[in-house]
C-alpha atoms as a PDB file:
ATOM      1  CA  UNK A   1       0.000   0.000   0.000  1.00  0.00           C
ATOM      2  CA  UNK A   2       2.812   2.392   0.884  1.00  0.00           C
ATOM      3  CA  UNK A   3       4.523   1.850  -2.480  1.00  0.00           C
ATOM      4  CA  UNK A   4       1.315   2.742  -4.319  1.00  0.00           C
ATOM      5  CA  UNK A   5       0.968   5.971  -2.330  1.00  0.00           C
ATOM      6  CA  UNK A   6       4.527   6.953  -3.228  1.00  0.00           C
ATOM      7  CA  UNK A   7       3.885   6.287  -6.938  1.00  0.00           C
ATOM      8  CA  UNK A   8       0.669   8.316  -6.867  1.00  0.00           C
ATOM      9  CA  UNK A   9       2.425  11.189  -5.065  1.00  0.00           C
ATOM     10  CA  UNK A  10       5.363  11.097  -7.496  1.00  0.00           C
ATOM     11  CA  UNK A  11       3.009  11.143 -10.509  1.00  0.00           C
ATOM     12  CA  UNK A  12       0.933  13.983  -9.038  1.00  0.00           C
ATOM     13  CA  UNK A  13       4.015  16.116  -8.479  1.00  0.00           C
ATOM     14  CA  UNK A  14       5.278  15.447 -11.994  1.00  0.00           C
ATOM     15  CA  UNK A  15       1.887  16.281 -13.510  1.00  0.00           C
ATOM     16  CA  UNK A  16       1.809  19.562 -11.582  1.00  0.00           C
ATOM     17  CA  UNK A  17       4.825  20.724 -13.577  1.00  0.00           C
ATOM     18  CA  UNK A  18       3.274  19.966 -16.960  1.00  0.00           C
ATOM     19  CA  UNK A  19       1.971  22.641 -19.314  1.00  0.00           C
ATOM     20  CA  UNK A  20      -1.823  22.971 -18.995  1.00  0.00           C
ATOM     21  CA  UNK A  21      -3.814  21.797 -22.036  1.00  0.00           C
ATOM     22  CA  UNK A  22      -5.143  25.302 -22.762  1.00  0.00           C
ATOM     23  CA  UNK A  23      -1.630  26.709 -22.832  1.00  0.00           C
ATOM     24  CA  UNK A  24      -0.291  23.857 -24.970  1.00  0.00           C
ATOM     25  CA  UNK A  25      -3.011  24.505 -27.551  1.00  0.00           C
ATOM     26  CA  UNK A  26      -1.647  28.051 -27.900  1.00  0.00           C
ATOM     27  CA  UNK A  27       2.024  26.983 -28.043  1.00  0.00           C
ATOM     28  CA  UNK A  28       1.813  24.043 -30.462  1.00  0.00           C
ATOM     29  CA  UNK A  29       1.031  26.134 -33.601  1.00  0.00           C
ATOM     30  CA  UNK A  30       4.157  28.232 -32.973  1.00  0.00           C
ATOM     31  CA  UNK A  31       6.499  25.230 -33.231  1.00  0.00           C
ATOM     32  CA  UNK A  32       8.247  24.463 -36.511  1.00  0.00           C
ATOM     33  CA  UNK A  33       7.769  20.954 -37.924  1.00  0.00           C
ATOM     34  CA  UNK A  34      10.265  18.404 -36.634  1.00  0.00           C
ATOM     35  CA  UNK A  35      13.043  17.198 -38.870  1.00  0.00           C
ATOM     36  CA  UNK A  36      13.220  13.426 -39.394  1.00  0.00           C
ATOM     37  CA  UNK A  37      16.627  11.798 -39.011  1.00  0.00           C
ATOM     38  CA  UNK A  38      18.363  11.704 -42.426  1.00  0.00           C
ATOM     39  CA  UNK A  39      18.968   7.954 -42.195  1.00  0.00           C
ATOM     40  CA  UNK A  40      15.630   7.186 -40.590  1.00  0.00           C
ATOM     41  CA  UNK A  41      17.276   4.628 -38.333  1.00  0.00           C
ATOM     42  CA  UNK A  42      17.034   6.249 -34.913  1.00  0.00           C
ATOM     43  CA  UNK A  43      14.325   6.226 -32.282  1.00  0.00           C
ATOM     44  CA  UNK A  44      11.447   8.604 -32.955  1.00  0.00           C
ATOM     45  CA  UNK A  45      11.790  12.147 -31.654  1.00  0.00           C
ATOM     46  CA  UNK A  46      10.518  12.955 -28.190  1.00  0.00           C
ATOM     47  CA  UNK A  47       7.102  14.578 -28.461  1.00  0.00           C
ATOM     48  CA  UNK A  48       7.113  18.360 -28.692  1.00  0.00           C
ATOM     49  CA  UNK A  49       4.938  18.588 -25.601  1.00  0.00           C
ATOM     50  CA  UNK A  50       7.325  16.481 -23.488  1.00  0.00           C
ATOM     51  CA  UNK A  51      10.265  18.588 -24.675  1.00  0.00           C
ATOM     52  CA  UNK A  52       8.436  21.839 -23.865  1.00  0.00           C
ATOM     53  CA  UNK A  53       7.397  20.440 -20.457  1.00  0.00           C
ATOM     54  CA  UNK A  54      11.062  19.708 -19.739  1.00  0.00           C
ATOM     55  CA  UNK A  55      12.200  23.152 -20.937  1.00  0.00           C
ATOM     56  CA  UNK A  56       9.592  24.930 -18.808  1.00  0.00           C
ATOM     57  CA  UNK A  57      10.488  22.723 -15.811  1.00  0.00           C
ATOM     58  CA  UNK A  58      14.142  23.678 -16.208  1.00  0.00           C
ATOM     59  CA  UNK A  59      13.312  27.376 -16.533  1.00  0.00           C
ATOM     60  CA  UNK A  60      10.973  27.394 -13.530  1.00  0.00           C
ATOM     61  CA  UNK A  61      13.286  25.469 -11.205  1.00  0.00           C
ATOM     62  CA  UNK A  62      16.645  26.759 -12.420  1.00  0.00           C
ATOM     63  CA  UNK A  63      17.998  23.209 -12.432  1.00  0.00           C
ATOM     64  CA  UNK A  64      20.837  22.201 -14.710  1.00  0.00           C
ATOM     65  CA  UNK A  65      19.967  20.603 -18.031  1.00  0.00           C
ATOM     66  CA  UNK A  66      21.342  17.221 -16.907  1.00  0.00           C
ATOM     67  CA  UNK A  67      18.986  17.213 -13.907  1.00  0.00           C
ATOM     68  CA  UNK A  68      16.113  16.650 -16.354  1.00  0.00           C
ATOM     69  CA  UNK A  69      17.209  13.036 -16.754  1.00  0.00           C
ATOM     70  CA  UNK A  70      15.872  12.194 -13.271  1.00  0.00           C
ATOM     71  CA  UNK A  71      12.473  13.845 -13.809  1.00  0.00           C
ATOM     72  CA  UNK A  72      11.150  11.301 -16.288  1.00  0.00           C
ATOM     73  CA  UNK A  73       9.757  14.116 -18.430  1.00  0.00           C
ATOM     74  CA  UNK A  74      12.350  14.077 -21.188  1.00  0.00           C
ATOM     75  CA  UNK A  75      16.089  13.483 -21.509  1.00  0.00           C
ATOM     76  CA  UNK A  76      18.324  16.490 -21.026  1.00  0.00           C
ATOM     77  CA  UNK A  77      19.908  16.113 -24.464  1.00  0.00           C
ATOM     78  CA  UNK A  78      16.526  16.020 -26.230  1.00  0.00           C
ATOM     79  CA  UNK A  79      15.225  19.004 -24.266  1.00  0.00           C
ATOM     80  CA  UNK A  80      18.381  21.056 -24.844  1.00  0.00           C
ATOM     81  CA  UNK A  81      18.499  20.219 -28.550  1.00  0.00           C
ATOM     82  CA  UNK A  82      14.833  21.217 -28.944  1.00  0.00           C
ATOM     83  CA  UNK A  83      15.445  24.399 -26.913  1.00  0.00           C
ATOM     84  CA  UNK A  84      18.209  25.367 -29.346  1.00  0.00           C
ATOM     85  CA  UNK A  85      16.068  24.558 -32.406  1.00  0.00           C
ATOM     86  CA  UNK A  86      13.124  26.546 -31.097  1.00  0.00           C
ATOM     87  CA  UNK A  87      15.272  29.472 -29.974  1.00  0.00           C
ATOM     88  CA  UNK A  88      16.758  29.758 -33.451  1.00  0.00           C
ATOM     89  CA  UNK A  89      13.239  29.600 -34.927  1.00  0.00           C
ATOM     90  CA  UNK A  90      12.099  32.474 -32.669  1.00  0.00           C
ATOM     91  CA  UNK A  91       9.471  30.407 -30.807  1.00  0.00           C
ATOM     92  CA  UNK A  92      10.268  31.776 -27.355  1.00  0.00           C
ATOM     93  CA  UNK A  93      10.390  35.381 -28.559  1.00  0.00           C
ATOM     94  CA  UNK A  94       6.973  34.969 -30.203  1.00  0.00           C
ATOM     95  CA  UNK A  95       5.601  33.301 -27.057  1.00  0.00           C
ATOM     96  CA  UNK A  96       6.896  36.199 -24.944  1.00  0.00           C
ATOM     97  CA  UNK A  97       5.342  38.750 -27.333  1.00  0.00           C
ATOM     98  CA  UNK A  98       1.960  36.992 -27.218  1.00  0.00           C
ATOM     99  CA  UNK A  99       2.065  36.805 -23.421  1.00  0.00           C
ATOM    100  CA  UNK A 100       2.987  40.470 -23.144  1.00  0.00           C
ATOM    101  CA  UNK A 101       0.153  41.517 -25.476  1.00  0.00           C
ATOM    102  CA  UNK A 102      -2.355  39.407 -23.533  1.00  0.00           C
ATOM    103  CA  UNK A 103      -1.223  40.864 -20.223  1.00  0.00           C
ATOM    104  CA  UNK A 104      -1.546  44.365 -21.684  1.00  0.00           C
ATOM    105  CA  UNK A 105      -5.142  43.566 -22.692  1.00  0.00           C
ATOM    106  CA  UNK A 106      -6.069  41.880 -19.406  1.00  0.00           C
ATOM    107  CA  UNK A 107      -4.369  44.075 -16.815  1.00  0.00           C
ATOM    108  CA  UNK A 108      -2.550  46.797 -18.675  1.00  0.00           C
ATOM    109  CA  UNK A 109       1.130  47.573 -18.403  1.00  0.00           C
ATOM    110  CA  UNK A 110       2.019  50.750 -16.555  1.00  0.00           C
ATOM    111  CA  UNK A 111       4.981  51.755 -18.694  1.00  0.00           C
ATOM    112  CA  UNK A 112       5.780  54.689 -16.366  1.00  0.00           C
ATOM    113  CA  UNK A 113       6.986  52.192 -13.749  1.00  0.00           C
ATOM    114  CA  UNK A 114       9.217  50.186 -16.089  1.00  0.00           C
ATOM    115  CA  UNK A 115      12.886  50.809 -16.593  1.00  0.00           C
ATOM    116  CA  UNK A 116      15.819  49.141 -18.213  1.00  0.00           C
ATOM    117  CA  UNK A 117      18.568  48.045 -15.915  1.00  0.00           C
ATOM    118  CA  UNK A 118      22.155  47.877 -16.971  1.00  0.00           C
ATOM    119  CA  UNK A 119      25.600  49.056 -16.095  1.00  0.00           C
ATOM    120  CA  UNK A 120      28.502  50.176 -18.218  1.00  0.00           C
ATOM    121  CA  UNK A 121      31.411  50.053 -15.817  1.00  0.00           C
ATOM    122  CA  UNK A 122      34.752  48.360 -15.850  1.00  0.00           C
ATOM    123  CA  UNK A 123      35.201  45.012 -14.216  1.00  0.00           C
ATOM    124  CA  UNK A 124      36.404  45.258 -10.593  1.00  0.00           C
ATOM    125  CA  UNK A 125      39.774  43.701 -11.457  1.00  0.00           C
ATOM    126  CA  UNK A 126      39.809  44.840 -15.074  1.00  0.00           C
ATOM    127  CA  UNK A 127      42.720  47.271 -14.814  1.00  0.00           C
ATOM    128  CA  UNK A 128      42.916  50.724 -16.317  1.00  0.00           C
ATOM    129  CA  UNK A 129      42.131  51.549 -19.933  1.00  0.00           C
ATOM    130  CA  UNK A 130      45.267  51.616 -22.054  1.00  0.00           C
ATOM    131  CA  UNK A 131      47.259  49.787 -19.393  1.00  0.00           C
ATOM    132  CA  UNK A 132      49.972  47.306 -20.094  1.00  0.00           C
ATOM    133  CA  UNK A 133      48.920  44.395 -22.209  1.00  0.00           C
ATOM    134  CA  UNK A 134      50.513  40.966 -22.314  1.00  0.00           C
ATOM    135  CA  UNK A 135      53.087  40.350 -25.001  1.00  0.00           C
ATOM    136  CA  UNK A 136      51.716  38.259 -27.822  1.00  0.00           C
ATOM    137  CA  UNK A 137      52.971  37.055 -31.174  1.00  0.00           C
ATOM    138  CA  UNK A 138      54.064  39.909 -33.370  1.00  0.00           C
ATOM    139  CA  UNK A 139      54.327  42.363 -30.481  1.00  0.00           C
ATOM    140  CA  UNK A 140      57.561  43.943 -29.378  1.00  0.00           C
ATOM    141  CA  UNK A 141      57.992  42.919 -25.792  1.00  0.00           C
ATOM    142  CA  UNK A 142      60.668  42.144 -23.298  1.00  0.00           C
ATOM    143  CA  UNK A 143      61.811  38.839 -24.721  1.00  0.00           C
ATOM    144  CA  UNK A 144      64.886  36.936 -23.716  1.00  0.00           C
ATOM    145  CA  UNK A 145      67.645  36.857 -26.315  1.00  0.00           C
ATOM    146  CA  UNK A 146      67.998  33.695 -28.307  1.00  0.00           C
ATOM    147  CA  UNK A 147      70.933  31.445 -27.376  1.00  0.00           C
ATOM    148  CA  UNK A 148      72.116  31.638 -31.009  1.00  0.00           C
ATOM    149  CA  UNK A 149      72.785  35.385 -30.785  1.00  0.00           C
ATOM    150  CA  UNK A 150      76.391  36.248 -30.009  1.00  0.00           C
ATOM    151  CA  UNK A 151      77.413  39.422 -28.226  1.00  0.00           C
END
């Protein structure tokens, strides 16, 4: 009986991290079609939904990519590969834009209270501008004389 309770609890927790159906229906059309393996000899691709579940889990928890392997959602390599594909295709930018527009409609964004944060300062141990630089190839530096040079 105790083992069954643990399995139910584990499944409930994992399901809590999944993308809700309503949200998935909005995300799925944004995804580019998957590319089949050129040789057609490998296992089928992980479903897009499982990959997105894993990506969102990683983003929400801040875990490392390799930690996804223990979640049972999707392997870390599949999730990371899909994250790279979708980033290059602009999926996450489009998703962010849609979310921002919907929030603007629902609640409104008070742009007067928003600011951009950034700093343009030198690194704490960066040295002074125009300071000494290490000698590299093709630079005249303080090099030891070659043993072949006679004085």
